[in-house]
Amino acid sequence: MNIIIRIFKEIFDFFCGDWRVFWGVTVTIVLVESVEHLAALFYARPAVGIIFIIGVSLSLVFALKREIT
């Protein structure tokens, strides 16, 4: 069982590499999808691309900031 957990961890590290980037992108995608599908957030639809770029960029900046310090 321990080897299976290690394999999954290695696969995750290969694709994601960092929990901050993973959760930052995940939260950004959930936010973008909720803007697209919820009628209450209709006014924010033109800004979806900007929201996505800012969300992903911020998660990368926070991950890099941790590596630098």
PDB file of N, CA and C in Angstrom:
ATOM      1  N   MET A   1       0.829  -1.202   0.000  1.00  0.00           N
ATOM      2  CA  MET A   1       0.000   0.000   0.000  1.00  0.00           C
ATOM      3  C   MET A   1       0.868   1.259   0.000  1.00  0.00           C
ATOM      4  N   ASN A   2       1.989   1.205   0.670  1.00  0.00           N
ATOM      5  CA  ASN A   2       2.880   2.350   0.749  1.00  0.00           C
ATOM      6  C   ASN A   2       3.444   2.717  -0.620  1.00  0.00           C
ATOM      7  N   ILE A   3       3.712   1.728  -1.436  1.00  0.00           N
ATOM      8  CA  ILE A   3       4.249   1.987  -2.773  1.00  0.00           C
ATOM      9  C   ILE A   3       3.211   2.666  -3.669  1.00  0.00           C
ATOM     10  N   ILE A   4       1.938   2.350  -3.490  1.00  0.00           N
ATOM     11  CA  ILE A   4       0.869   2.965  -4.279  1.00  0.00           C
ATOM     12  C   ILE A   4       0.758   4.454  -3.941  1.00  0.00           C
ATOM     13  N   ILE A   5       0.826   4.768  -2.657  1.00  0.00           N
ATOM     14  CA  ILE A   5       0.781   6.166  -2.232  1.00  0.00           C
ATOM     15  C   ILE A   5       1.984   6.922  -2.789  1.00  0.00           C
ATOM     16  N   ARG A   6       3.144   6.298  -2.763  1.00  0.00           N
ATOM     17  CA  ARG A   6       4.350   6.938  -3.292  1.00  0.00           C
ATOM     18  C   ARG A   6       4.229   7.177  -4.798  1.00  0.00           C
ATOM     19  N   ILE A   7       3.661   6.244  -5.521  1.00  0.00           N
ATOM     20  CA  ILE A   7       3.480   6.398  -6.969  1.00  0.00           C
ATOM     21  C   ILE A   7       2.539   7.561  -7.264  1.00  0.00           C
ATOM     22  N   PHE A   8       1.420   7.643  -6.543  1.00  0.00           N
ATOM     23  CA  PHE A   8       0.493   8.748  -6.743  1.00  0.00           C
ATOM     24  C   PHE A   8       1.136  10.087  -6.394  1.00  0.00           C
ATOM     25  N   LYS A   9       1.942  10.120  -5.343  1.00  0.00           N
ATOM     26  CA  LYS A   9       2.634  11.343  -4.965  1.00  0.00           C
ATOM     27  C   LYS A   9       3.619  11.758  -6.045  1.00  0.00           C
ATOM     28  N   GLU A  10       4.336  10.823  -6.610  1.00  0.00           N
ATOM     29  CA  GLU A  10       5.279  11.143  -7.678  1.00  0.00           C
ATOM     30  C   GLU A  10       4.565  11.647  -8.928  1.00  0.00           C
ATOM     31  N   ILE A  11       3.422  11.048  -9.244  1.00  0.00           N
ATOM     32  CA  ILE A  11       2.634  11.506 -10.394  1.00  0.00           C
ATOM     33  C   ILE A  11       2.126  12.919 -10.151  1.00  0.00           C
ATOM     34  N   PHE A  12       1.634  13.182  -8.947  1.00  0.00           N
ATOM     35  CA  PHE A  12       1.167  14.530  -8.604  1.00  0.00           C
ATOM     36  C   PHE A  12       2.312  15.530  -8.696  1.00  0.00           C
ATOM     37  N   ASP A  13       3.464  15.186  -8.128  1.00  0.00           N
ATOM     38  CA  ASP A  13       4.613  16.092  -8.185  1.00  0.00           C
ATOM     39  C   ASP A  13       5.049  16.350  -9.621  1.00  0.00           C
ATOM     40  N   PHE A  14       4.930  15.345 -10.476  1.00  0.00           N
ATOM     41  CA  PHE A  14       5.306  15.514 -11.874  1.00  0.00           C
ATOM     42  C   PHE A  14       4.389  16.506 -12.574  1.00  0.00           C
ATOM     43  N   PHE A  15       3.074  16.389 -12.357  1.00  0.00           N
ATOM     44  CA  PHE A  15       2.123  17.247 -13.060  1.00  0.00           C
ATOM     45  C   PHE A  15       1.912  18.591 -12.368  1.00  0.00           C
ATOM     46  N   CYS A  16       1.898  18.600 -11.063  1.00  0.00           N
ATOM     47  CA  CYS A  16       1.596  19.835 -10.338  1.00  0.00           C
ATOM     48  C   CYS A  16       2.839  20.475  -9.738  1.00  0.00           C
ATOM     49  N   GLY A  17       3.621  19.689  -9.044  1.00  0.00           N
ATOM     50  CA  GLY A  17       4.869  20.186  -8.497  1.00  0.00           C
ATOM     51  C   GLY A  17       4.746  20.960  -7.208  1.00  0.00           C
ATOM     52  N   ASP A  18       3.679  21.657  -7.026  1.00  0.00           N
ATOM     53  CA  ASP A  18       3.546  22.494  -5.838  1.00  0.00           C
ATOM     54  C   ASP A  18       2.077  22.620  -5.471  1.00  0.00           C
ATOM     55  N   TRP A  19       1.786  22.466  -4.188  1.00  0.00           N
ATOM     56  CA  TRP A  19       0.403  22.563  -3.728  1.00  0.00           C
ATOM     57  C   TRP A  19      -0.153  23.954  -3.929  1.00  0.00           C
ATOM     58  N   ARG A  20       0.657  24.985  -3.780  1.00  0.00           N
ATOM     59  CA  ARG A  20       0.157  26.349  -3.944  1.00  0.00           C
ATOM     60  C   ARG A  20      -0.294  26.601  -5.374  1.00  0.00           C
ATOM     61  N   VAL A  21       0.486  26.132  -6.320  1.00  0.00           N
ATOM     62  CA  VAL A  21       0.094  26.292  -7.725  1.00  0.00           C
ATOM     63  C   VAL A  21      -1.157  25.476  -8.012  1.00  0.00           C
ATOM     64  N   PHE A  22      -1.191  24.252  -7.513  1.00  0.00           N
ATOM     65  CA  PHE A  22      -2.346  23.382  -7.731  1.00  0.00           C
ATOM     66  C   PHE A  22      -3.628  24.017  -7.205  1.00  0.00           C
ATOM     67  N   TRP A  23      -3.614  24.458  -5.941  1.00  0.00           N
ATOM     68  CA  TRP A  23      -4.826  25.033  -5.366  1.00  0.00           C
ATOM     69  C   TRP A  23      -5.147  26.405  -5.943  1.00  0.00           C
ATOM     70  N   GLY A  24      -4.128  27.168  -6.299  1.00  0.00           N
ATOM     71  CA  GLY A  24      -4.380  28.466  -6.932  1.00  0.00           C
ATOM     72  C   GLY A  24      -5.083  28.323  -8.267  1.00  0.00           C
ATOM     73  N   VAL A  25      -4.618  27.392  -9.085  1.00  0.00           N
ATOM     74  CA  VAL A  25      -5.245  27.151 -10.383  1.00  0.00           C
ATOM     75  C   VAL A  25      -6.634  26.541 -10.194  1.00  0.00           C
ATOM     76  N   THR A  26      -6.774  25.634  -9.231  1.00  0.00           N
ATOM     77  CA  THR A  26      -8.073  25.011  -8.975  1.00  0.00           C
ATOM     78  C   THR A  26      -9.109  26.047  -8.549  1.00  0.00           C
ATOM     79  N   VAL A  27      -8.746  26.918  -7.623  1.00  0.00           N
ATOM     80  CA  VAL A  27      -9.683  27.954  -7.170  1.00  0.00           C
ATOM     81  C   VAL A  27     -10.010  28.909  -8.317  1.00  0.00           C
ATOM     82  N   THR A  28      -9.021  29.230  -9.128  1.00  0.00           N
ATOM     83  CA  THR A  28      -9.263  30.112 -10.266  1.00  0.00           C
ATOM     84  C   THR A  28     -10.230  29.479 -11.261  1.00  0.00           C
ATOM     85  N   ILE A  29     -10.052  28.211 -11.553  1.00  0.00           N
ATOM     86  CA  ILE A  29     -10.948  27.534 -12.499  1.00  0.00           C
ATOM     87  C   ILE A  29     -12.366  27.447 -11.940  1.00  0.00           C
ATOM     88  N   VAL A  30     -12.501  27.165 -10.650  1.00  0.00           N
ATOM     89  CA  VAL A  30     -13.830  27.126 -10.031  1.00  0.00           C
ATOM     90  C   VAL A  30     -14.483  28.502 -10.092  1.00  0.00           C
ATOM     91  N   LEU A  31     -13.712  29.546  -9.840  1.00  0.00           N
ATOM     92  CA  LEU A  31     -14.252  30.900  -9.902  1.00  0.00           C
ATOM     93  C   LEU A  31     -14.692  31.256 -11.323  1.00  0.00           C
ATOM     94  N   VAL A  32     -13.873  30.927 -12.303  1.00  0.00           N
ATOM     95  CA  VAL A  32     -14.219  31.224 -13.695  1.00  0.00           C
ATOM     96  C   VAL A  32     -15.464  30.445 -14.121  1.00  0.00           C
ATOM     97  N   GLU A  33     -15.538  29.189 -13.755  1.00  0.00           N
ATOM     98  CA  GLU A  33     -16.714  28.390 -14.111  1.00  0.00           C
ATOM     99  C   GLU A  33     -17.971  28.900 -13.421  1.00  0.00           C
ATOM    100  N   SER A  34     -17.852  29.342 -12.172  1.00  0.00           N
ATOM    101  CA  SER A  34     -19.039  29.865 -11.490  1.00  0.00           C
ATOM    102  C   SER A  34     -19.488  31.175 -12.115  1.00  0.00           C
ATOM    103  N   VAL A  35     -18.554  31.999 -12.581  1.00  0.00           N
ATOM    104  CA  VAL A  35     -18.936  33.230 -13.277  1.00  0.00           C
ATOM    105  C   VAL A  35     -19.657  32.886 -14.579  1.00  0.00           C
ATOM    106  N   GLU A  36     -19.195  31.860 -15.259  1.00  0.00           N
ATOM    107  CA  GLU A  36     -19.801  31.469 -16.532  1.00  0.00           C
ATOM    108  C   GLU A  36     -21.204  30.891 -16.365  1.00  0.00           C
ATOM    109  N   HIS A  37     -21.457  30.197 -15.262  1.00  0.00           N
ATOM    110  CA  HIS A  37     -22.706  29.449 -15.128  1.00  0.00           C
ATOM    111  C   HIS A  37     -23.729  30.050 -14.167  1.00  0.00           C
ATOM    112  N   LEU A  38     -23.338  30.959 -13.318  1.00  0.00           N
ATOM    113  CA  LEU A  38     -24.291  31.548 -12.380  1.00  0.00           C
ATOM    114  C   LEU A  38     -24.851  32.854 -12.942  1.00  0.00           C
ATOM    115  N   ALA A  39     -26.151  32.939 -12.980  1.00  0.00           N
ATOM    116  CA  ALA A  39     -26.801  34.125 -13.534  1.00  0.00           C
ATOM    117  C   ALA A  39     -26.525  35.361 -12.686  1.00  0.00           C
ATOM    118  N   ALA A  40     -26.317  35.184 -11.395  1.00  0.00           N
ATOM    119  CA  ALA A  40     -26.064  36.314 -10.511  1.00  0.00           C
ATOM    120  C   ALA A  40     -24.727  36.992 -10.828  1.00  0.00           C
ATOM    121  N   LEU A  41     -23.806  36.264 -11.428  1.00  0.00           N
ATOM    122  CA  LEU A  41     -22.498  36.824 -11.765  1.00  0.00           C
ATOM    123  C   LEU A  41     -22.384  37.183 -13.244  1.00  0.00           C
ATOM    124  N   PHE A  42     -23.516  37.436 -13.875  1.00  0.00           N
ATOM    125  CA  PHE A  42     -23.559  37.747 -15.299  1.00  0.00           C
ATOM    126  C   PHE A  42     -22.705  38.967 -15.651  1.00  0.00           C
ATOM    127  N   TYR A  43     -22.683  39.942 -14.760  1.00  0.00           N
ATOM    128  CA  TYR A  43     -21.946  41.178 -15.019  1.00  0.00           C
ATOM    129  C   TYR A  43     -20.435  40.950 -15.106  1.00  0.00           C
ATOM    130  N   ALA A  44     -19.926  39.874 -14.552  1.00  0.00           N
ATOM    131  CA  ALA A  44     -18.485  39.616 -14.534  1.00  0.00           C
ATOM    132  C   ALA A  44     -18.006  38.789 -15.726  1.00  0.00           C
ATOM    133  N   ARG A  45     -18.918  38.360 -16.587  1.00  0.00           N
ATOM    134  CA  ARG A  45     -18.525  37.507 -17.720  1.00  0.00           C
ATOM    135  C   ARG A  45     -17.491  38.144 -18.649  1.00  0.00           C
ATOM    136  N   PRO A  46     -17.563  39.427 -18.941  1.00  0.00           N
ATOM    137  CA  PRO A  46     -16.524  39.992 -19.816  1.00  0.00           C
ATOM    138  C   PRO A  46     -15.120  39.939 -19.214  1.00  0.00           C
ATOM    139  N   ALA A  47     -15.009  39.815 -17.913  1.00  0.00           N
ATOM    140  CA  ALA A  47     -13.709  39.828 -17.245  1.00  0.00           C
ATOM    141  C   ALA A  47     -13.165  38.435 -16.955  1.00  0.00           C
ATOM    142  N   VAL A  48     -13.790  37.392 -17.505  1.00  0.00           N
ATOM    143  CA  VAL A  48     -13.377  36.015 -17.191  1.00  0.00           C
ATOM    144  C   VAL A  48     -11.926  35.761 -17.595  1.00  0.00           C
ATOM    145  N   GLY A  49     -11.516  36.234 -18.745  1.00  0.00           N
ATOM    146  CA  GLY A  49     -10.133  36.033 -19.178  1.00  0.00           C
ATOM    147  C   GLY A  49      -9.142  36.713 -18.248  1.00  0.00           C
ATOM    148  N   ILE A  50      -9.479  37.910 -17.825  1.00  0.00           N
ATOM    149  CA  ILE A  50      -8.610  38.637 -16.900  1.00  0.00           C
ATOM    150  C   ILE A  50      -8.558  37.940 -15.551  1.00  0.00           C
ATOM    151  N   ILE A  51      -9.707  37.453 -15.071  1.00  0.00           N
ATOM    152  CA  ILE A  51      -9.746  36.720 -13.803  1.00  0.00           C
ATOM    153  C   ILE A  51      -8.860  35.482 -13.878  1.00  0.00           C
ATOM    154  N   PHE A  52      -8.925  34.766 -14.988  1.00  0.00           N
ATOM    155  CA  PHE A  52      -8.119  33.558 -15.148  1.00  0.00           C
ATOM    156  C   PHE A  52      -6.631  33.884 -15.158  1.00  0.00           C
ATOM    157  N   ILE A  53      -6.235  34.878 -15.932  1.00  0.00           N
ATOM    158  CA  ILE A  53      -4.821  35.247 -16.015  1.00  0.00           C
ATOM    159  C   ILE A  53      -4.299  35.726 -14.665  1.00  0.00           C
ATOM    160  N   ILE A  54      -5.057  36.552 -13.978  1.00  0.00           N
ATOM    161  CA  ILE A  54      -4.621  37.057 -12.674  1.00  0.00           C
ATOM    162  C   ILE A  54      -4.547  35.934 -11.651  1.00  0.00           C
ATOM    163  N   GLY A  55      -5.540  35.038 -11.629  1.00  0.00           N
ATOM    164  CA  GLY A  55      -5.543  33.940 -10.664  1.00  0.00           C
ATOM    165  C   GLY A  55      -4.363  33.003 -10.832  1.00  0.00           C
ATOM    166  N   VAL A  56      -4.095  32.605 -12.073  1.00  0.00           N
ATOM    167  CA  VAL A  56      -2.969  31.704 -12.333  1.00  0.00           C
ATOM    168  C   VAL A  56      -1.646  32.419 -12.056  1.00  0.00           C
ATOM    169  N   SER A  57      -1.548  33.671 -12.464  1.00  0.00           N
ATOM    170  CA  SER A  57      -0.321  34.428 -12.226  1.00  0.00           C
ATOM    171  C   SER A  57      -0.032  34.600 -10.739  1.00  0.00           C
ATOM    172  N   LEU A  58      -1.061  34.913  -9.964  1.00  0.00           N
ATOM    173  CA  LEU A  58      -0.857  35.066  -8.523  1.00  0.00           C
ATOM    174  C   LEU A  58      -0.416  33.764  -7.861  1.00  0.00           C
ATOM    175  N   SER A  59      -0.987  32.655  -8.285  1.00  0.00           N
ATOM    176  CA  SER A  59      -0.563  31.386  -7.693  1.00  0.00           C
ATOM    177  C   SER A  59       0.886  31.077  -8.042  1.00  0.00           C
ATOM    178  N   LEU A  60       1.308  31.409  -9.251  1.00  0.00           N
ATOM    179  CA  LEU A  60       2.711  31.211  -9.633  1.00  0.00           C
ATOM    180  C   LEU A  60       3.637  32.160  -8.880  1.00  0.00           C
ATOM    181  N   VAL A  61       3.221  33.404  -8.697  1.00  0.00           N
ATOM    182  CA  VAL A  61       4.037  34.377  -7.961  1.00  0.00           C
ATOM    183  C   VAL A  61       4.223  33.939  -6.515  1.00  0.00           C
ATOM    184  N   PHE A  62       3.154  33.485  -5.869  1.00  0.00           N
ATOM    185  CA  PHE A  62       3.273  33.042  -4.479  1.00  0.00           C
ATOM    186  C   PHE A  62       4.167  31.813  -4.363  1.00  0.00           C
ATOM    187  N   ALA A  63       4.092  30.916  -5.334  1.00  0.00           N
ATOM    188  CA  ALA A  63       4.954  29.737  -5.311  1.00  0.00           C
ATOM    189  C   ALA A  63       6.412  30.133  -5.525  1.00  0.00           C
ATOM    190  N   LEU A  64       6.667  31.061  -6.436  1.00  0.00           N
ATOM    191  CA  LEU A  64       8.040  31.514  -6.669  1.00  0.00           C
ATOM    192  C   LEU A  64       8.580  32.294  -5.480  1.00  0.00           C
ATOM    193  N   LYS A  65       7.728  33.077  -4.861  1.00  0.00           N
ATOM    194  CA  LYS A  65       8.142  33.847  -3.689  1.00  0.00           C
ATOM    195  C   LYS A  65       8.606  32.918  -2.562  1.00  0.00           C
ATOM    196  N   ARG A  66       7.929  31.820  -2.407  1.00  0.00           N
ATOM    197  CA  ARG A  66       8.321  30.840  -1.384  1.00  0.00           C
ATOM    198  C   ARG A  66       9.666  30.214  -1.728  1.00  0.00           C
ATOM    199  N   GLU A  67       9.903  29.963  -3.003  1.00  0.00           N
ATOM    200  CA  GLU A  67      11.177  29.368  -3.419  1.00  0.00           C
ATOM    201  C   GLU A  67      12.338  30.326  -3.237  1.00  0.00           C
ATOM    202  N   ILE A  68      12.095  31.606  -3.430  1.00  0.00           N
ATOM    203  CA  ILE A  68      13.163  32.595  -3.346  1.00  0.00           C
ATOM    204  C   ILE A  68      13.566  32.852  -1.910  1.00  0.00           C
ATOM    205  N   THR A  69      12.594  32.902  -1.009  1.00  0.00           N
ATOM    206  CA  THR A  69      12.922  33.212   0.393  1.00  0.00           C
ATOM    207  C   THR A  69      13.274  32.014   1.203  1.00  0.00           C
TER     208      THR A  69
END
